[in-house]
Amino acid sequence: MDFIPRLVERLDLFRRSLGVVPWAELVATVQGMERDDELKRDLGLYFQHAAMTGAPKISRMGCESPLRRLAARYGMSVSTVIRRAQNTPRVIAHYALTGVFVRTVEHDL
């Protein structure tokens, strides 16, 4: 029952957080994360999970769930996929706020 209020709360927090870091720094952070092997893996997982959960629901009668396929592709359990996908926005925010990848991108230019 409290799924909807929690979702609304997370969305509201996300929207309020967007104004804290300039968009260019968020982009630079994601690009920097894509160059780091471990972070790149979680980032790919996050984007694929987001695409799956946002897609219209279709019948899968007798078929493996997309979430189980994603877990198998990454060699993880379904609960680990969900946990990592939910944690990735926090990781992006952490790196964006610290500016680690922003400075890296500036030095690369």
C-alpha atoms as a PDB file:
ATOM      1  CA  MET A   1       0.000   0.000   0.000  1.00  0.00           C
ATOM      2  CA  ASP A   2       2.753   2.484   0.748  1.00  0.00           C
ATOM      3  CA  PHE A   3       4.497   1.884  -2.584  1.00  0.00           C
ATOM      4  CA  ILE A   4       2.892   4.957  -4.207  1.00  0.00           C
ATOM      5  CA  PRO A   5       3.746   7.423  -1.383  1.00  0.00           C
ATOM      6  CA  ARG A   6       7.355   6.139  -1.332  1.00  0.00           C
ATOM      7  CA  LEU A   7       7.594   6.497  -5.109  1.00  0.00           C
ATOM      8  CA  VAL A   8       6.193  10.044  -4.968  1.00  0.00           C
ATOM      9  CA  GLU A   9       8.644  10.922  -2.188  1.00  0.00           C
ATOM     10  CA  ARG A  10      11.604   9.585  -4.213  1.00  0.00           C
ATOM     11  CA  LEU A  11      10.478  11.448  -7.328  1.00  0.00           C
ATOM     12  CA  ASP A  12      10.084  14.676  -5.355  1.00  0.00           C
ATOM     13  CA  LEU A  13      13.554  14.279  -3.817  1.00  0.00           C
ATOM     14  CA  PHE A  14      15.003  13.624  -7.286  1.00  0.00           C
ATOM     15  CA  ARG A  15      13.338  16.731  -8.747  1.00  0.00           C
ATOM     16  CA  ARG A  16      14.540  18.939  -5.867  1.00  0.00           C
ATOM     17  CA  SER A  17      18.058  17.521  -6.199  1.00  0.00           C
ATOM     18  CA  LEU A  18      18.305  18.378  -9.888  1.00  0.00           C
ATOM     19  CA  GLY A  19      18.808  22.053  -9.102  1.00  0.00           C
ATOM     20  CA  VAL A  20      21.757  21.408  -6.763  1.00  0.00           C
ATOM     21  CA  VAL A  21      24.242  20.427  -9.471  1.00  0.00           C
ATOM     22  CA  PRO A  22      24.337  22.038 -12.931  1.00  0.00           C
ATOM     23  CA  TRP A  23      23.191  19.761 -15.742  1.00  0.00           C
ATOM     24  CA  ALA A  24      26.606  19.896 -17.450  1.00  0.00           C
ATOM     25  CA  GLU A  25      28.198  18.477 -14.291  1.00  0.00           C
ATOM     26  CA  LEU A  26      25.663  15.625 -14.172  1.00  0.00           C
ATOM     27  CA  VAL A  27      26.453  14.818 -17.797  1.00  0.00           C
ATOM     28  CA  ALA A  28      30.205  14.953 -17.109  1.00  0.00           C
ATOM     29  CA  THR A  29      29.699  12.694 -14.090  1.00  0.00           C
ATOM     30  CA  VAL A  30      27.827  10.047 -16.081  1.00  0.00           C
ATOM     31  CA  GLN A  31      30.435  10.234 -18.853  1.00  0.00           C
ATOM     32  CA  GLY A  32      33.205   9.818 -16.275  1.00  0.00           C
ATOM     33  CA  MET A  33      31.410   6.866 -14.716  1.00  0.00           C
ATOM     34  CA  GLU A  34      31.200   5.254 -18.160  1.00  0.00           C
ATOM     35  CA  ARG A  35      35.027   5.208 -18.279  1.00  0.00           C
ATOM     36  CA  ASP A  36      35.332   3.360 -14.949  1.00  0.00           C
ATOM     37  CA  ASP A  37      34.904  -0.411 -15.385  1.00  0.00           C
ATOM     38  CA  GLU A  38      32.893  -1.147 -12.237  1.00  0.00           C
ATOM     39  CA  LEU A  39      30.801   2.010 -12.363  1.00  0.00           C
ATOM     40  CA  LYS A  40      30.190   1.470 -16.075  1.00  0.00           C
ATOM     41  CA  ARG A  41      28.703  -1.939 -15.336  1.00  0.00           C
ATOM     42  CA  ASP A  42      26.275  -0.570 -12.739  1.00  0.00           C
ATOM     43  CA  LEU A  43      25.404   2.368 -14.971  1.00  0.00           C
ATOM     44  CA  GLY A  44      24.558   0.010 -17.856  1.00  0.00           C
ATOM     45  CA  LEU A  45      22.518  -2.112 -15.484  1.00  0.00           C
ATOM     46  CA  TYR A  46      20.679   0.986 -14.255  1.00  0.00           C
ATOM     47  CA  PHE A  47      19.802   2.204 -17.754  1.00  0.00           C
ATOM     48  CA  GLN A  48      18.626  -1.241 -18.867  1.00  0.00           C
ATOM     49  CA  HIS A  49      16.586  -1.686 -15.690  1.00  0.00           C
ATOM     50  CA  ALA A  50      15.019   1.760 -16.145  1.00  0.00           C
ATOM     51  CA  ALA A  51      14.132   0.967 -19.766  1.00  0.00           C
ATOM     52  CA  MET A  52      12.538  -2.329 -18.698  1.00  0.00           C
ATOM     53  CA  THR A  53      10.518  -0.945 -15.826  1.00  0.00           C
ATOM     54  CA  GLY A  54       9.324   2.039 -17.850  1.00  0.00           C
ATOM     55  CA  ALA A  55       8.254  -0.038 -20.852  1.00  0.00           C
ATOM     56  CA  PRO A  56       4.610  -0.933 -21.385  1.00  0.00           C
ATOM     57  CA  LYS A  57       3.741  -4.273 -19.821  1.00  0.00           C
ATOM     58  CA  ILE A  58       3.162  -7.121 -22.243  1.00  0.00           C
ATOM     59  CA  SER A  59       2.126 -10.665 -21.565  1.00  0.00           C
ATOM     60  CA  ARG A  60       5.013 -13.065 -20.922  1.00  0.00           C
ATOM     61  CA  MET A  61       2.973 -16.222 -20.464  1.00  0.00           C
ATOM     62  CA  GLY A  62       5.446 -19.065 -20.172  1.00  0.00           C
ATOM     63  CA  CYS A  63       8.461 -16.809 -20.760  1.00  0.00           C
ATOM     64  CA  GLU A  64      11.240 -15.733 -18.448  1.00  0.00           C
ATOM     65  CA  SER A  65      10.759 -12.259 -16.986  1.00  0.00           C
ATOM     66  CA  PRO A  66      12.889  -9.426 -18.413  1.00  0.00           C
ATOM     67  CA  LEU A  67      14.258  -8.824 -14.913  1.00  0.00           C
ATOM     68  CA  ARG A  68      15.459 -12.439 -14.638  1.00  0.00           C
ATOM     69  CA  ARG A  69      17.081 -12.176 -18.084  1.00  0.00           C
ATOM     70  CA  LEU A  70      18.839  -8.979 -17.024  1.00  0.00           C
ATOM     71  CA  ALA A  71      20.037 -10.641 -13.821  1.00  0.00           C
ATOM     72  CA  ALA A  72      21.368 -13.615 -15.816  1.00  0.00           C
ATOM     73  CA  ARG A  73      23.125 -11.298 -18.304  1.00  0.00           C
ATOM     74  CA  TYR A  74      24.962  -9.566 -15.452  1.00  0.00           C
ATOM     75  CA  GLY A  75      25.499 -12.736 -13.412  1.00  0.00           C
ATOM     76  CA  MET A  76      23.522 -11.409 -10.449  1.00  0.00           C
ATOM     77  CA  SER A  77      20.432 -12.314  -8.500  1.00  0.00           C
ATOM     78  CA  VAL A  78      17.229 -10.409  -9.206  1.00  0.00           C
ATOM     79  CA  SER A  79      17.421  -8.762  -5.776  1.00  0.00           C
ATOM     80  CA  THR A  80      20.984  -7.564  -6.506  1.00  0.00           C
ATOM     81  CA  VAL A  81      19.876  -6.092  -9.843  1.00  0.00           C
ATOM     82  CA  ILE A  82      17.064  -4.211  -8.114  1.00  0.00           C
ATOM     83  CA  ARG A  83      19.312  -3.015  -5.276  1.00  0.00           C
ATOM     84  CA  ARG A  84      22.071  -1.795  -7.605  1.00  0.00           C
ATOM     85  CA  ALA A  85      19.593  -0.123  -9.957  1.00  0.00           C
ATOM     86  CA  GLN A  86      17.976   1.688  -7.028  1.00  0.00           C
ATOM     87  CA  ASN A  87      21.366   2.753  -5.657  1.00  0.00           C
ATOM     88  CA  THR A  88      22.810   4.105  -8.928  1.00  0.00           C
ATOM     89  CA  PRO A  89      21.090   7.530  -8.776  1.00  0.00           C
ATOM     90  CA  ARG A  90      22.620   8.009  -5.297  1.00  0.00           C
ATOM     91  CA  VAL A  91      26.039   7.096  -6.676  1.00  0.00           C
ATOM     92  CA  ILE A  92      25.629   9.549  -9.559  1.00  0.00           C
ATOM     93  CA  ALA A  93      24.564  12.259  -7.103  1.00  0.00           C
ATOM     94  CA  HIS A  94      27.537  11.521  -4.823  1.00  0.00           C
ATOM     95  CA  TYR A  95      30.063  11.808  -7.636  1.00  0.00           C
ATOM     96  CA  ALA A  96      28.325  14.875  -9.102  1.00  0.00           C
ATOM     97  CA  LEU A  97      28.374  16.650  -5.734  1.00  0.00           C
ATOM     98  CA  THR A  98      32.047  15.810  -5.131  1.00  0.00           C
ATOM     99  CA  GLY A  99      32.978  16.864  -8.669  1.00  0.00           C
ATOM    100  CA  VAL A 100      35.415  13.976  -9.105  1.00  0.00           C
ATOM    101  CA  PHE A 101      34.533  13.238 -12.709  1.00  0.00           C
ATOM    102  CA  VAL A 102      33.936  16.877 -13.610  1.00  0.00           C
ATOM    103  CA  ARG A 103      37.558  17.708 -12.806  1.00  0.00           C
ATOM    104  CA  THR A 104      38.681  14.605 -14.713  1.00  0.00           C
ATOM    105  CA  VAL A 105      36.768  15.684 -17.816  1.00  0.00           C
ATOM    106  CA  GLU A 106      38.143  19.232 -17.587  1.00  0.00           C
ATOM    107  CA  HIS A 107      41.714  17.899 -17.418  1.00  0.00           C
ATOM    108  CA  ASP A 108      41.107  15.593 -20.379  1.00  0.00           C
ATOM    109  CA  LEU A 109      40.112  18.506 -22.619  1.00  0.00           C
END
